Amino acid sequence: MKNRIPPFPVIIVLGTVLLCSFITSPSLAEPDSNSDERLKRLLQRAPQADANKDGVLTLKEAQAFLKAQRAKQPNRNNRQRAKLTHEDIQYGDHPRHVIDLYLVKSNKPTPLVIYIHGGGFVGGDKRGVSGSLIQAMHKAGISVAAIHYRFIRTHPFPACFTDSARAVQFLRHHAKKYNLNPNRFAATGGSAGAGISLWLATRDDMANSKSDDPISRQSTRIICATVGGAQVSYDPRFWRAVGLAKGLQHPSFPLMFGVPSDDPFTDPKKTAVAKACAPIEHVSKDDPPVYFRYSAPDELTDKTSLGAVVHHPRHGQLFKKEMDALGIECHLVYPGGPKVKVTSEQFLIKHLNRASDTEKSENR
């Protein structure tokens, strides 16, 4: 029994720990089991992860161990996942400008859900797309894409946002090649991926009709979004104004704007970037429906954890208020909140399988 690899469900938990360790480390120095409690616990649970047997588990060793375990035994939660149709399709010139496609077989162009991963804008992976989401979408005749984007450690805001918009344009440009319906694109994601999805839903179309690049001439608009734990602004002034100032302690904040401070607004350029990246700043009457999910209740005390503040339903409440005033469909789900009859997957299917006005006119 010595050095036995823990059961795979435990490995999944350990993988989440590793990701959290990476996200919440404010310095660029690589953490290890001497400096990070979570890596220490991983070393205790899986000592074989210490590749060089020096008694210290580095982040690189932990990530390599997890990758090896995944290769041996795929995630049970996703074991029924549809086979990956296309992997690492390049949509730009950076190594993280890549897309995975899970295409459903169809004799006509299919709607598409674009999954945008979370990870505090400093980590995460497109392979985190839920197997159950893919299954549900495929059953409804909907294809799924999962994308990567550049991280703020090397490319501060708005790179991760504009990367995601470019991915939408790329997929739309190649819709015929992949049998996609360019009029029926949606976005989904959690945390950072939720913020980007929400931004895509609210930003005016960024297509450049005069561009020499045919991809840039494509629309960036989507017809709906489902988001989990979304932040509706990354402007520190907003967080203070709505009583969520504790969230500014998150180590990603200084990296978002490329400055060693959570309040970079002595520079008008930084202020402009914060506003441009805040979905709530762009809400307008032509925006598509949105479905919000939060796991934290509507509570705020001195003891509320940082994670709960960063993913607090107050974000969704404020956004829904704006949407309700404009008469736009918006659902908000959180513990103790009003009951919502439709699930996020049902919401996606309803809107993606509803013919657009353009398609209706073409079929008359």
Protein backbone atom coordinates (compact mmCIF):
# COMPACT_ATOMS: atom_id res chain seq x y z
CA MET A 1 0.00 0.00 0.00
CA LYS A 2 2.99 2.28 0.25
CA ASN A 3 2.97 5.18 -2.24
CA ARG A 4 -0.38 4.04 -3.58
CA ILE A 5 -1.97 6.60 -5.93
CA PRO A 6 -5.20 7.93 -4.36
CA PRO A 7 -8.55 7.10 -6.01
CA PHE A 8 -9.26 9.24 -9.04
CA PRO A 9 -11.97 11.40 -7.38
CA VAL A 10 -9.27 12.45 -4.90
CA ILE A 11 -6.97 13.34 -7.79
CA ILE A 12 -9.66 15.63 -9.16
CA VAL A 13 -9.87 17.41 -5.81
CA LEU A 14 -6.09 17.69 -5.73
CA GLY A 15 -6.18 19.14 -9.24
CA THR A 16 -8.56 21.84 -8.06
CA VAL A 17 -6.21 22.57 -5.17
CA LEU A 18 -3.32 22.97 -7.58
CA LEU A 19 -5.24 25.40 -9.73
CA CYS A 20 -6.27 27.42 -6.70
CA SER A 21 -2.65 27.48 -5.50
CA PHE A 22 -1.56 28.93 -8.82
CA ILE A 23 -4.38 31.48 -8.99
CA THR A 24 -4.02 32.80 -5.47
CA SER A 25 -0.25 33.18 -5.41
CA PRO A 26 0.38 36.94 -5.70
CA SER A 27 4.01 36.65 -6.66
CA LEU A 28 5.56 35.30 -9.81
CA ALA A 29 7.86 33.04 -7.78
CA GLU A 30 6.89 29.39 -8.05
CA PRO A 31 5.27 28.13 -4.83
CA ASP A 32 6.25 24.83 -3.25
CA SER A 33 5.14 22.68 -0.33
CA ASN A 34 7.25 24.74 2.07
CA SER A 35 5.45 27.98 1.19
CA ASP A 36 1.99 26.82 0.14
CA GLU A 37 -0.25 24.85 2.47
CA ARG A 38 -2.24 23.30 -0.37
CA LEU A 39 0.87 21.90 -2.05
CA LYS A 40 1.93 20.60 1.33
CA ARG A 41 -1.37 18.71 1.67
CA LEU A 42 -0.99 17.34 -1.85
CA LEU A 43 2.49 16.05 -1.00
CA GLN A 44 1.05 14.30 2.04
CA ARG A 45 -1.75 12.71 -0.01
CA ALA A 46 0.39 11.80 -3.02
CA PRO A 47 4.11 11.68 -2.08
CA GLN A 48 4.87 10.13 -5.47
CA ALA A 49 4.18 13.56 -7.00
CA ASP A 50 7.62 14.66 -5.68
CA ALA A 51 9.48 13.62 -8.84
CA ASN A 52 13.04 14.25 -7.64
CA LYS A 53 12.34 12.82 -4.15
CA ASP A 54 13.86 15.83 -2.37
CA GLY A 55 10.94 16.12 0.03
CA VAL A 56 9.71 19.38 -1.50
CA LEU A 57 6.82 19.48 -3.98
CA THR A 58 7.04 22.29 -6.52
CA LEU A 59 4.12 23.56 -8.57
CA LYS A 60 5.69 22.17 -11.75
CA GLU A 61 6.07 18.72 -10.18
CA ALA A 62 2.46 18.81 -8.97
CA GLN A 63 1.13 19.83 -12.37
CA ALA A 64 3.17 17.14 -14.13
CA PHE A 65 1.87 14.52 -11.70
CA LEU A 66 -1.74 15.56 -12.25
CA LYS A 67 -1.30 15.51 -16.03
CA ALA A 68 0.09 11.98 -15.84
CA GLN A 69 -2.83 10.82 -13.70
CA ARG A 70 -5.34 12.32 -16.10
CA ALA A 71 -3.67 10.50 -18.97
CA LYS A 72 -4.02 7.20 -17.14
CA GLN A 73 -7.65 7.63 -16.14
CA PRO A 74 -9.89 10.33 -17.65
CA ASN A 75 -12.12 12.40 -15.39
CA ARG A 76 -15.05 10.18 -14.36
CA ASN A 77 -17.35 13.16 -14.34
CA ASN A 78 -16.65 13.54 -18.04
CA ARG A 79 -16.24 9.89 -19.00
CA GLN A 80 -19.30 10.07 -21.25
CA ARG A 81 -18.00 13.19 -22.97
CA ALA A 82 -18.35 13.20 -26.73
CA LYS A 83 -15.12 12.61 -28.59
CA LEU A 84 -13.11 15.74 -29.30
CA THR A 85 -13.64 16.57 -32.97
CA HIS A 86 -10.86 19.15 -33.46
CA GLU A 87 -8.13 20.01 -30.96
CA ASP A 88 -6.01 23.15 -30.63
CA ILE A 89 -7.28 24.96 -33.71
CA GLN A 90 -5.15 28.10 -33.92
CA TYR A 91 -7.20 31.33 -34.00
CA GLY A 92 -4.27 33.73 -33.45
CA ASP A 93 -0.50 33.91 -33.24
CA HIS A 94 -0.03 33.20 -29.51
CA PRO A 95 0.33 29.64 -28.15
CA ARG A 96 -2.84 30.14 -26.08
CA HIS A 97 -4.86 31.24 -29.10
CA VAL A 98 -6.38 27.79 -29.52
CA ILE A 99 -9.85 26.24 -29.70
CA ASP A 100 -11.22 22.73 -29.15
CA LEU A 101 -14.39 21.71 -30.96
CA TYR A 102 -16.95 19.09 -29.93
CA LEU A 103 -19.15 18.99 -33.01
CA VAL A 104 -22.50 17.23 -33.09
CA LYS A 105 -23.32 15.27 -36.22
CA SER A 106 -25.98 17.06 -38.24
CA ASN A 107 -27.13 17.44 -41.83
CA LYS A 108 -27.61 21.17 -41.28
CA PRO A 109 -25.51 23.90 -39.62
CA THR A 110 -25.65 23.64 -35.83
CA PRO A 111 -25.86 26.27 -33.08
CA LEU A 112 -22.72 26.66 -30.97
CA VAL A 113 -21.97 27.15 -27.26
CA ILE A 114 -18.53 28.64 -26.62
CA TYR A 115 -17.05 27.63 -23.24
CA ILE A 116 -14.63 30.15 -21.68
CA HIS A 117 -12.73 28.78 -18.69
CA GLY A 118 -12.22 30.49 -15.36
CA GLY A 119 -9.08 30.77 -13.25
CA GLY A 120 -8.68 34.36 -12.05
CA PHE A 121 -7.30 35.32 -15.49
CA VAL A 122 -4.02 33.67 -14.46
CA GLY A 123 -4.86 29.98 -14.87
CA GLY A 124 -7.43 27.51 -16.12
CA ASP A 125 -7.84 25.27 -19.12
CA LYS A 126 -10.36 24.72 -21.91
CA ARG A 127 -10.38 21.02 -21.04
CA GLY A 128 -12.39 21.94 -17.98
CA VAL A 129 -15.52 22.12 -20.11
CA SER A 130 -18.22 19.99 -18.51
CA GLY A 131 -18.92 16.62 -20.06
CA SER A 132 -22.55 16.92 -18.99
CA LEU A 133 -22.82 20.25 -20.81
CA ILE A 134 -21.50 18.69 -24.01
CA GLN A 135 -23.89 15.75 -23.68
CA ALA A 136 -26.90 18.01 -23.11
CA MET A 137 -26.00 20.28 -25.99
CA HIS A 138 -25.33 17.40 -28.39
CA LYS A 139 -28.65 15.82 -27.47
CA ALA A 140 -30.28 19.11 -28.50
CA GLY A 141 -28.29 19.31 -31.76
CA ILE A 142 -25.89 21.97 -30.50
CA SER A 143 -22.09 21.91 -30.91
CA VAL A 144 -19.61 23.07 -28.27
CA ALA A 145 -16.33 24.96 -28.51
CA ALA A 146 -13.81 25.54 -25.71
CA ILE A 147 -11.17 28.26 -25.95
CA HIS A 148 -7.97 29.46 -24.36
CA TYR A 149 -6.92 33.09 -23.97
CA ARG A 150 -3.76 34.87 -22.80
CA PHE A 151 -3.19 35.32 -19.05
CA ILE A 152 -2.78 38.66 -17.27
CA ARG A 153 0.61 37.75 -15.82
CA THR A 154 2.07 38.47 -19.24
CA HIS A 155 -0.81 40.24 -21.04
CA PRO A 156 -2.90 42.53 -18.79
CA PHE A 157 -6.45 43.64 -19.58
CA PRO A 158 -8.00 43.76 -22.12
CA ALA A 159 -6.06 40.92 -23.83
CA CYS A 160 -8.14 38.04 -22.44
CA PHE A 161 -11.34 39.81 -23.50
CA THR A 162 -10.23 40.72 -27.00
CA ASP A 163 -8.75 37.23 -27.46
CA SER A 164 -12.17 35.73 -26.71
CA ALA A 165 -13.87 38.13 -29.12
CA ARG A 166 -11.36 37.10 -31.78
CA ALA A 167 -12.19 33.42 -31.13
CA VAL A 168 -15.88 34.19 -31.73
CA GLN A 169 -14.99 35.94 -34.99
CA PHE A 170 -12.75 33.07 -36.06
CA LEU A 171 -15.48 30.50 -35.46
CA ARG A 172 -18.00 32.63 -37.31
CA HIS A 173 -15.62 33.09 -40.25
CA HIS A 174 -15.14 29.31 -40.45
CA ALA A 175 -18.78 28.44 -39.72
CA LYS A 176 -19.28 26.69 -43.05
CA LYS A 177 -16.12 24.62 -42.60
CA TYR A 178 -17.30 23.32 -39.21
CA ASN A 179 -21.02 23.14 -40.08
CA LEU A 180 -21.97 25.90 -37.63
CA ASN A 181 -24.88 28.33 -37.79
CA PRO A 182 -23.20 31.76 -37.43
CA ASN A 183 -26.49 33.32 -36.28
CA ARG A 184 -26.70 31.08 -33.21
CA PHE A 185 -23.62 31.50 -31.02
CA ALA A 186 -23.77 31.60 -27.21
CA ALA A 187 -21.12 31.84 -24.49
CA THR A 188 -20.78 30.21 -21.09
CA GLY A 189 -18.19 30.09 -18.34
CA GLY A 190 -17.44 30.43 -14.65
CA SER A 191 -15.65 33.15 -12.69
CA ALA A 192 -13.20 34.83 -15.10
CA GLY A 193 -14.83 32.95 -17.97
CA ALA A 194 -18.20 34.22 -16.75
CA GLY A 195 -16.96 37.79 -16.82
CA ILE A 196 -15.68 37.40 -20.37
CA SER A 197 -18.92 35.72 -21.50
CA LEU A 198 -20.92 38.55 -19.96
CA TRP A 199 -18.68 41.11 -21.65
CA LEU A 200 -19.27 39.47 -25.02
CA ALA A 201 -23.02 39.63 -24.37
CA THR A 202 -23.00 43.35 -23.58
CA ARG A 203 -20.34 44.90 -25.80
CA ASP A 204 -21.46 46.51 -29.03
CA ASP A 205 -20.37 44.59 -32.09
CA MET A 206 -16.60 44.90 -32.55
CA ALA A 207 -16.60 43.86 -36.21
CA ASN A 208 -14.45 46.09 -38.38
CA SER A 209 -16.08 46.18 -41.81
CA LYS A 210 -13.12 48.05 -43.30
CA SER A 211 -10.45 45.61 -42.12
CA ASP A 212 -8.22 43.80 -44.60
CA ASP A 213 -8.52 40.79 -42.30
CA PRO A 214 -11.69 38.82 -43.12
CA ILE A 215 -11.88 37.46 -39.57
CA SER A 216 -11.93 40.97 -38.10
CA ARG A 217 -14.90 41.78 -40.31
CA GLN A 218 -16.98 39.13 -38.53
CA SER A 219 -19.46 39.95 -35.76
CA THR A 220 -18.52 39.41 -32.10
CA ARG A 221 -22.14 39.28 -30.91
CA ILE A 222 -23.78 36.28 -29.21
CA ILE A 223 -27.47 35.53 -28.71
CA CYS A 224 -27.36 34.52 -25.01
CA ALA A 225 -24.98 33.71 -22.16
CA THR A 226 -25.00 31.56 -19.03
CA VAL A 227 -22.50 32.57 -16.37
CA GLY A 228 -21.41 31.13 -13.02
CA GLY A 229 -20.00 33.33 -10.25
CA ALA A 230 -19.67 36.27 -12.62
CA GLN A 231 -18.15 39.63 -11.73
CA VAL A 232 -19.89 42.49 -13.54
CA SER A 233 -17.04 44.97 -13.14
CA TYR A 234 -13.29 44.95 -12.47
CA ASP A 235 -13.15 48.60 -11.48
CA PRO A 236 -12.03 48.88 -7.83
CA ARG A 237 -14.26 51.92 -7.40
CA PHE A 238 -17.29 49.80 -8.31
CA TRP A 239 -16.38 47.10 -5.77
CA ARG A 240 -16.08 49.69 -3.00
CA ALA A 241 -19.34 51.39 -3.95
CA VAL A 242 -21.38 48.16 -3.76
CA GLY A 243 -19.89 46.89 -0.50
CA LEU A 244 -17.59 44.25 -2.00
CA ALA A 245 -14.28 46.00 -1.28
CA LYS A 246 -12.85 42.86 0.34
CA GLY A 247 -12.75 41.33 -3.14
CA LEU A 248 -9.95 43.75 -4.02
CA GLN A 249 -7.66 41.60 -1.88
CA HIS A 250 -7.73 38.99 -4.64
CA PRO A 251 -4.17 38.71 -6.00
CA SER A 252 -5.35 38.93 -9.61
CA PHE A 253 -6.38 42.56 -9.20
CA PRO A 254 -2.87 44.08 -9.35
CA LEU A 255 -2.13 42.01 -12.46
CA MET A 256 -5.29 42.97 -14.33
CA PHE A 257 -4.01 46.42 -15.18
CA GLY A 258 -0.29 45.67 -15.09
CA VAL A 259 0.38 47.69 -11.93
CA PRO A 260 1.47 46.71 -8.38
CA SER A 261 -1.67 48.14 -6.80
CA ASP A 262 -5.40 47.39 -6.58
CA ASP A 263 -6.20 51.04 -7.40
CA PRO A 264 -4.51 52.00 -10.69
CA PHE A 265 -6.72 54.99 -11.40
CA THR A 266 -4.24 57.81 -11.18
CA ASP A 267 -3.70 56.96 -14.85
CA PRO A 268 -6.67 57.87 -17.10
CA LYS A 269 -5.66 55.09 -19.49
CA LYS A 270 -6.08 52.49 -16.75
CA THR A 271 -9.46 53.97 -15.86
CA ALA A 272 -10.54 53.66 -19.49
CA VAL A 273 -9.42 50.02 -19.63
CA ALA A 274 -11.35 49.17 -16.43
CA LYS A 275 -14.49 50.74 -17.87
CA ALA A 276 -14.05 48.99 -21.22
CA CYS A 277 -13.74 45.60 -19.50
CA ALA A 278 -16.75 46.05 -17.17
CA PRO A 279 -19.85 44.31 -18.59
CA ILE A 280 -22.22 46.41 -16.47
CA GLU A 281 -20.89 49.55 -18.19
CA HIS A 282 -22.17 48.30 -21.55
CA VAL A 283 -25.70 47.10 -20.79
CA SER A 284 -28.11 48.34 -23.47
CA LYS A 285 -31.56 47.48 -24.81
CA ASP A 286 -30.17 45.37 -27.67
CA ASP A 287 -28.32 42.96 -25.36
CA PRO A 288 -29.18 39.23 -25.35
CA PRO A 289 -30.72 37.26 -22.44
CA VAL A 290 -28.43 36.18 -19.59
CA TYR A 291 -28.62 33.45 -16.96
CA PHE A 292 -26.63 33.97 -13.71
CA ARG A 293 -25.68 31.22 -11.22
CA TYR A 294 -23.99 31.75 -7.85
CA SER A 295 -23.10 29.22 -5.16
CA ALA A 296 -22.76 31.83 -2.40
CA PRO A 297 -25.85 33.12 -0.53
CA ASP A 298 -26.78 36.78 -0.36
CA GLU A 299 -24.87 37.39 2.86
CA LEU A 300 -22.02 39.74 3.71
CA THR A 301 -20.24 39.78 7.08
CA ASP A 302 -16.71 40.45 8.24
CA LYS A 303 -16.19 36.69 8.12
CA THR A 304 -17.40 36.22 4.53
CA SER A 305 -14.60 34.45 2.66
CA LEU A 306 -12.72 36.16 -0.14
CA GLY A 307 -13.97 33.54 -2.59
CA ALA A 308 -17.59 34.23 -1.63
CA VAL A 309 -17.10 37.99 -2.01
CA VAL A 310 -15.48 37.64 -5.43
CA HIS A 311 -18.37 35.41 -6.53
CA HIS A 312 -21.12 37.17 -4.60
CA PRO A 313 -24.69 37.25 -5.99
CA ARG A 314 -24.72 41.01 -5.47
CA HIS A 315 -22.93 41.21 -8.84
CA GLY A 316 -25.81 39.40 -10.51
CA GLN A 317 -28.43 41.37 -8.59
CA LEU A 318 -27.05 44.68 -9.82
CA PHE A 319 -26.81 43.43 -13.37
CA LYS A 320 -30.31 41.95 -13.32
CA LYS A 321 -31.68 45.27 -12.13
CA GLU A 322 -30.21 46.91 -15.23
CA MET A 323 -31.57 44.16 -17.50
CA ASP A 324 -35.03 44.22 -15.90
CA ALA A 325 -35.27 47.98 -16.45
CA LEU A 326 -34.70 47.39 -20.16
CA GLY A 327 -37.12 44.47 -20.37
CA ILE A 328 -34.41 41.92 -21.21
CA GLU A 329 -34.77 38.33 -20.01
CA CYS A 330 -32.40 37.73 -17.09
CA HIS A 331 -32.44 34.85 -14.60
CA LEU A 332 -30.56 34.87 -11.30
CA VAL A 333 -30.00 31.73 -9.21
CA TYR A 334 -28.32 31.63 -5.80
CA PRO A 335 -28.90 29.87 -2.44
CA GLY A 336 -31.94 31.40 -0.77
CA GLY A 337 -32.83 33.42 -3.86
CA PRO A 338 -36.07 33.41 -5.87
CA LYS A 339 -36.95 30.13 -7.55
CA VAL A 340 -36.12 29.88 -11.26
CA LYS A 341 -38.02 27.24 -13.22
CA VAL A 342 -35.55 26.89 -16.08
CA THR A 343 -32.02 25.45 -15.74
CA SER A 344 -29.01 27.04 -17.40
CA GLU A 345 -28.82 24.22 -19.96
CA GLN A 346 -32.53 24.55 -20.77
CA PHE A 347 -31.99 28.29 -21.15
CA LEU A 348 -29.19 27.73 -23.68
CA ILE A 349 -31.18 25.17 -25.65
CA LYS A 350 -34.27 27.39 -25.76
CA HIS A 351 -32.42 30.36 -27.20
CA LEU A 352 -30.00 28.51 -29.45
CA ASN A 353 -32.73 26.43 -31.06
CA ARG A 354 -34.99 29.43 -31.58
CA ALA A 355 -34.80 30.70 -35.18
CA SER A 356 -33.43 34.22 -35.54
CA ASP A 357 -35.46 36.96 -37.22
CA THR A 358 -33.15 36.69 -40.22
CA GLU A 359 -33.81 32.94 -40.55
CA LYS A 360 -37.55 33.43 -40.15
CA SER A 361 -37.61 35.96 -43.01
CA GLU A 362 -35.52 33.65 -45.19
CA ASN A 363 -38.00 30.80 -44.66
CA ARG A 364 -41.09 32.84 -45.57
